[in-house]
């Protein structure tokens, strides 16, 4: 773990904001117990996985945005930059792989589609929500997908 992560872990353990049970009085005997609680998968938690499979994006698009992207991309007039983004998005749906929602250029294009009136803020929020995956552990919520907290991490954070 990085020093900043140890500081965040210490804050999490001492405050126990979700009352998960590791609380402020973790002793040497409890390092493993605190780590186990942090690593337990919980359906109430979601982790962010910005690489969204194209099939999930296509399902989102099929609920209405795909037609709007296609129509705007093929209209005469309008903002040429927004039309270009629409056409690129429509072509994306014919590919396999992932849409990386952590990429600044992708999120900028999505914002441009909202600003250009092609997508609504609700549709944008629904697209961005595709990167939230549940269940997850508290460690993944705090430190990213795939993160695991070891008893040594708990001990180091509390020093």
C-alpha atoms as a PDB file:
ATOM      1  CA  UNK A   1       0.000   0.000   0.000  1.00  0.00           C
ATOM      2  CA  UNK A   2       1.040   3.591  -0.562  1.00  0.00           C
ATOM      3  CA  UNK A   3       1.513   6.013   2.366  1.00  0.00           C
ATOM      4  CA  UNK A   4      -1.678   7.869   1.449  1.00  0.00           C
ATOM      5  CA  UNK A   5      -3.562   4.575   1.452  1.00  0.00           C
ATOM      6  CA  UNK A   6      -2.265   3.788   4.944  1.00  0.00           C
ATOM      7  CA  UNK A   7      -3.590   7.153   6.127  1.00  0.00           C
ATOM      8  CA  UNK A   8      -6.988   6.394   4.567  1.00  0.00           C
ATOM      9  CA  UNK A   9      -6.976   2.896   6.058  1.00  0.00           C
ATOM     10  CA  UNK A  10      -6.168   4.273   9.514  1.00  0.00           C
ATOM     11  CA  UNK A  11      -9.035   6.766   9.220  1.00  0.00           C
ATOM     12  CA  UNK A  12     -11.409   4.014   8.076  1.00  0.00           C
ATOM     13  CA  UNK A  13     -10.486   1.688  10.938  1.00  0.00           C
ATOM     14  CA  UNK A  14     -10.557   4.344  13.641  1.00  0.00           C
ATOM     15  CA  UNK A  15     -13.793   5.975  12.492  1.00  0.00           C
ATOM     16  CA  UNK A  16     -15.523   2.791  11.289  1.00  0.00           C
ATOM     17  CA  UNK A  17     -18.004   5.043   9.422  1.00  0.00           C
ATOM     18  CA  UNK A  18     -20.211   2.170   8.264  1.00  0.00           C
ATOM     19  CA  UNK A  19     -20.044   0.416  11.639  1.00  0.00           C
ATOM     20  CA  UNK A  20     -18.631  -2.753  10.106  1.00  0.00           C
ATOM     21  CA  UNK A  21     -17.105  -3.818  13.407  1.00  0.00           C
ATOM     22  CA  UNK A  22     -13.383  -3.171  13.192  1.00  0.00           C
ATOM     23  CA  UNK A  23     -13.793   0.017  15.192  1.00  0.00           C
ATOM     24  CA  UNK A  24     -11.209   2.180  16.892  1.00  0.00           C
ATOM     25  CA  UNK A  25      -9.840  -0.405  19.326  1.00  0.00           C
ATOM     26  CA  UNK A  26      -8.083  -2.811  16.964  1.00  0.00           C
ATOM     27  CA  UNK A  27      -5.306  -4.566  18.863  1.00  0.00           C
ATOM     28  CA  UNK A  28      -2.517  -6.869  17.706  1.00  0.00           C
ATOM     29  CA  UNK A  29      -4.891  -9.795  17.990  1.00  0.00           C
ATOM     30  CA  UNK A  30      -7.431  -8.063  15.765  1.00  0.00           C
ATOM     31  CA  UNK A  31      -5.293  -7.112  12.745  1.00  0.00           C
ATOM     32  CA  UNK A  32      -6.419 -10.232  10.881  1.00  0.00           C
ATOM     33  CA  UNK A  33     -10.030  -9.705  11.925  1.00  0.00           C
ATOM     34  CA  UNK A  34     -10.048  -6.124  10.693  1.00  0.00           C
ATOM     35  CA  UNK A  35      -8.460  -7.212   7.405  1.00  0.00           C
ATOM     36  CA  UNK A  36     -11.090  -9.961   7.006  1.00  0.00           C
ATOM     37  CA  UNK A  37     -13.908  -7.459   7.502  1.00  0.00           C
ATOM     38  CA  UNK A  38     -12.364  -5.076   4.960  1.00  0.00           C
ATOM     39  CA  UNK A  39     -11.955  -7.895   2.406  1.00  0.00           C
ATOM     40  CA  UNK A  40     -15.416  -9.445   2.852  1.00  0.00           C
ATOM     41  CA  UNK A  41     -17.567  -9.129  -0.264  1.00  0.00           C
ATOM     42  CA  UNK A  42     -20.804  -7.303   0.451  1.00  0.00           C
ATOM     43  CA  UNK A  43     -23.712  -6.856  -1.991  1.00  0.00           C
ATOM     44  CA  UNK A  44     -24.307  -3.385  -0.513  1.00  0.00           C
ATOM     45  CA  UNK A  45     -20.924  -2.193  -1.842  1.00  0.00           C
ATOM     46  CA  UNK A  46     -19.962  -1.294  -5.401  1.00  0.00           C
ATOM     47  CA  UNK A  47     -16.513  -0.961  -6.903  1.00  0.00           C
ATOM     48  CA  UNK A  48     -15.615   1.147  -9.904  1.00  0.00           C
ATOM     49  CA  UNK A  49     -14.498  -0.831 -12.959  1.00  0.00           C
ATOM     50  CA  UNK A  50     -14.168   1.793 -15.706  1.00  0.00           C
ATOM     51  CA  UNK A  51     -13.582  -0.731 -18.502  1.00  0.00           C
ATOM     52  CA  UNK A  52     -17.229  -1.384 -19.374  1.00  0.00           C
ATOM     53  CA  UNK A  53     -17.891  -4.265 -21.802  1.00  0.00           C
ATOM     54  CA  UNK A  54     -19.291  -3.039 -25.123  1.00  0.00           C
ATOM     55  CA  UNK A  55     -22.286  -5.362 -24.780  1.00  0.00           C
ATOM     56  CA  UNK A  56     -23.289  -3.499 -21.585  1.00  0.00           C
ATOM     57  CA  UNK A  57     -22.873  -0.159 -23.383  1.00  0.00           C
ATOM     58  CA  UNK A  58     -24.971  -1.474 -26.274  1.00  0.00           C
ATOM     59  CA  UNK A  59     -27.756  -2.501 -23.908  1.00  0.00           C
ATOM     60  CA  UNK A  60     -27.675   1.032 -22.435  1.00  0.00           C
ATOM     61  CA  UNK A  61     -27.707   2.554 -25.945  1.00  0.00           C
ATOM     62  CA  UNK A  62     -30.597   0.373 -27.103  1.00  0.00           C
ATOM     63  CA  UNK A  63     -32.840   1.981 -24.484  1.00  0.00           C
ATOM     64  CA  UNK A  64     -32.940   5.179 -26.576  1.00  0.00           C
ATOM     65  CA  UNK A  65     -29.533   6.825 -26.914  1.00  0.00           C
ATOM     66  CA  UNK A  66     -28.488   4.746 -29.944  1.00  0.00           C
ATOM     67  CA  UNK A  67     -31.284   6.129 -32.120  1.00  0.00           C
ATOM     68  CA  UNK A  68     -30.517   9.681 -30.985  1.00  0.00           C
ATOM     69  CA  UNK A  69     -26.808   9.216 -31.736  1.00  0.00           C
ATOM     70  CA  UNK A  70     -27.605   7.794 -35.165  1.00  0.00           C
ATOM     71  CA  UNK A  71     -30.138  10.509 -36.023  1.00  0.00           C
ATOM     72  CA  UNK A  72     -27.927  13.403 -34.927  1.00  0.00           C
ATOM     73  CA  UNK A  73     -24.886  11.905 -36.627  1.00  0.00           C
ATOM     74  CA  UNK A  74     -26.744  11.759 -39.944  1.00  0.00           C
ATOM     75  CA  UNK A  75     -28.426  15.171 -39.837  1.00  0.00           C
ATOM     76  CA  UNK A  76     -27.347  18.072 -41.996  1.00  0.00           C
ATOM     77  CA  UNK A  77     -26.305  21.035 -39.894  1.00  0.00           C
ATOM     78  CA  UNK A  78     -25.746  21.059 -36.211  1.00  0.00           C
ATOM     79  CA  UNK A  79     -22.383  20.981 -34.525  1.00  0.00           C
ATOM     80  CA  UNK A  80     -19.905  19.074 -36.739  1.00  0.00           C
ATOM     81  CA  UNK A  81     -17.853  18.000 -33.715  1.00  0.00           C
ATOM     82  CA  UNK A  82     -20.909  16.556 -31.979  1.00  0.00           C
ATOM     83  CA  UNK A  83     -22.020  14.851 -35.224  1.00  0.00           C
ATOM     84  CA  UNK A  84     -18.580  13.273 -35.494  1.00  0.00           C
ATOM     85  CA  UNK A  85     -18.772  11.973 -31.910  1.00  0.00           C
ATOM     86  CA  UNK A  86     -22.232  10.528 -32.655  1.00  0.00           C
ATOM     87  CA  UNK A  87     -20.950   8.689 -35.727  1.00  0.00           C
ATOM     88  CA  UNK A  88     -17.927   7.366 -33.832  1.00  0.00           C
ATOM     89  CA  UNK A  89     -20.163   6.174 -30.999  1.00  0.00           C
ATOM     90  CA  UNK A  90     -22.480   4.345 -33.410  1.00  0.00           C
ATOM     91  CA  UNK A  91     -19.472   2.579 -34.958  1.00  0.00           C
ATOM     92  CA  UNK A  92     -18.200   1.659 -31.498  1.00  0.00           C
ATOM     93  CA  UNK A  93     -21.304  -0.436 -30.906  1.00  0.00           C
ATOM     94  CA  UNK A  94     -20.292  -2.740 -33.742  1.00  0.00           C
ATOM     95  CA  UNK A  95     -17.010  -3.645 -32.048  1.00  0.00           C
ATOM     96  CA  UNK A  96     -16.026  -5.955 -29.265  1.00  0.00           C
ATOM     97  CA  UNK A  97     -14.014  -5.081 -26.223  1.00  0.00           C
ATOM     98  CA  UNK A  98     -14.509  -2.342 -23.675  1.00  0.00           C
ATOM     99  CA  UNK A  99     -15.354   1.323 -23.358  1.00  0.00           C
ATOM    100  CA  UNK A 100     -12.886   2.832 -20.885  1.00  0.00           C
ATOM    101  CA  UNK A 101     -14.829   5.422 -18.924  1.00  0.00           C
ATOM    102  CA  UNK A 102     -11.693   6.474 -17.043  1.00  0.00           C
ATOM    103  CA  UNK A 103     -10.264   8.034 -20.198  1.00  0.00           C
ATOM    104  CA  UNK A 104     -10.570  11.832 -20.184  1.00  0.00           C
ATOM    105  CA  UNK A 105     -11.233  11.963 -23.925  1.00  0.00           C
ATOM    106  CA  UNK A 106     -14.176   9.560 -23.586  1.00  0.00           C
ATOM    107  CA  UNK A 107     -15.754  11.419 -20.679  1.00  0.00           C
ATOM    108  CA  UNK A 108     -15.213  14.735 -22.508  1.00  0.00           C
ATOM    109  CA  UNK A 109     -17.031  13.370 -25.563  1.00  0.00           C
ATOM    110  CA  UNK A 110     -19.915  12.157 -23.413  1.00  0.00           C
ATOM    111  CA  UNK A 111     -20.152  15.629 -21.829  1.00  0.00           C
ATOM    112  CA  UNK A 112     -20.160  17.165 -25.332  1.00  0.00           C
ATOM    113  CA  UNK A 113     -23.074  14.931 -26.301  1.00  0.00           C
ATOM    114  CA  UNK A 114     -25.022  16.223 -23.307  1.00  0.00           C
ATOM    115  CA  UNK A 115     -24.024  19.832 -23.965  1.00  0.00           C
ATOM    116  CA  UNK A 116     -24.999  19.357 -27.642  1.00  0.00           C
ATOM    117  CA  UNK A 117     -28.457  18.118 -26.656  1.00  0.00           C
ATOM    118  CA  UNK A 118     -27.980  14.598 -28.010  1.00  0.00           C
ATOM    119  CA  UNK A 119     -28.009  12.876 -24.621  1.00  0.00           C
ATOM    120  CA  UNK A 120     -29.794  13.887 -21.444  1.00  0.00           C
ATOM    121  CA  UNK A 121     -28.013  14.191 -18.114  1.00  0.00           C
ATOM    122  CA  UNK A 122     -29.996  11.124 -16.987  1.00  0.00           C
ATOM    123  CA  UNK A 123     -28.697   9.087 -19.938  1.00  0.00           C
ATOM    124  CA  UNK A 124     -25.167  10.270 -19.190  1.00  0.00           C
ATOM    125  CA  UNK A 125     -25.530   9.233 -15.545  1.00  0.00           C
ATOM    126  CA  UNK A 126     -26.853   5.817 -16.610  1.00  0.00           C
ATOM    127  CA  UNK A 127     -23.856   5.320 -18.915  1.00  0.00           C
ATOM    128  CA  UNK A 128     -21.375   6.307 -16.218  1.00  0.00           C
ATOM    129  CA  UNK A 129     -23.163   4.044 -13.710  1.00  0.00           C
ATOM    130  CA  UNK A 130     -22.243   1.038 -15.860  1.00  0.00           C
ATOM    131  CA  UNK A 131     -18.769   1.167 -14.338  1.00  0.00           C
ATOM    132  CA  UNK A 132     -20.145   0.490 -10.836  1.00  0.00           C
ATOM    133  CA  UNK A 133     -20.011  -3.224 -10.138  1.00  0.00           C
ATOM    134  CA  UNK A 134     -21.539  -4.962  -7.135  1.00  0.00           C
ATOM    135  CA  UNK A 135     -20.844  -6.864  -4.936  1.00  0.00           C
ATOM    136  CA  UNK A 136     -17.504  -5.545  -3.725  1.00  0.00           C
ATOM    137  CA  UNK A 137     -15.438  -5.459  -0.573  1.00  0.00           C
ATOM    138  CA  UNK A 138     -14.895  -2.354   1.526  1.00  0.00           C
ATOM    139  CA  UNK A 139     -11.206  -2.579   0.542  1.00  0.00           C
ATOM    140  CA  UNK A 140     -12.219  -2.321  -3.143  1.00  0.00           C
ATOM    141  CA  UNK A 141     -14.509   0.618  -2.426  1.00  0.00           C
ATOM    142  CA  UNK A 142     -11.686   2.444  -0.666  1.00  0.00           C
ATOM    143  CA  UNK A 143      -8.686   1.464  -2.801  1.00  0.00           C
ATOM    144  CA  UNK A 144      -9.973   0.203  -6.152  1.00  0.00           C
ATOM    145  CA  UNK A 145     -11.094  -2.984  -7.832  1.00  0.00           C
ATOM    146  CA  UNK A 146      -9.091  -6.038  -6.797  1.00  0.00           C
ATOM    147  CA  UNK A 147      -7.625  -4.396  -3.687  1.00  0.00           C
ATOM    148  CA  UNK A 148      -6.950  -6.594  -0.688  1.00  0.00           C
ATOM    149  CA  UNK A 149      -5.964  -5.425   2.796  1.00  0.00           C
ATOM    150  CA  UNK A 150      -3.528  -7.671   4.653  1.00  0.00           C
ATOM    151  CA  UNK A 151      -3.175  -7.870   8.449  1.00  0.00           C
ATOM    152  CA  UNK A 152       0.263  -6.260   7.944  1.00  0.00           C
ATOM    153  CA  UNK A 153      -1.460  -3.316   6.207  1.00  0.00           C
ATOM    154  CA  UNK A 154      -3.760  -2.844   9.205  1.00  0.00           C
ATOM    155  CA  UNK A 155      -0.803  -2.985  11.571  1.00  0.00           C
ATOM    156  CA  UNK A 156       1.215  -0.518   9.465  1.00  0.00           C
ATOM    157  CA  UNK A 157      -1.699   1.892   9.149  1.00  0.00           C
ATOM    158  CA  UNK A 158      -2.266   1.989  12.894  1.00  0.00           C
ATOM    159  CA  UNK A 159       1.355   2.691  13.836  1.00  0.00           C
END
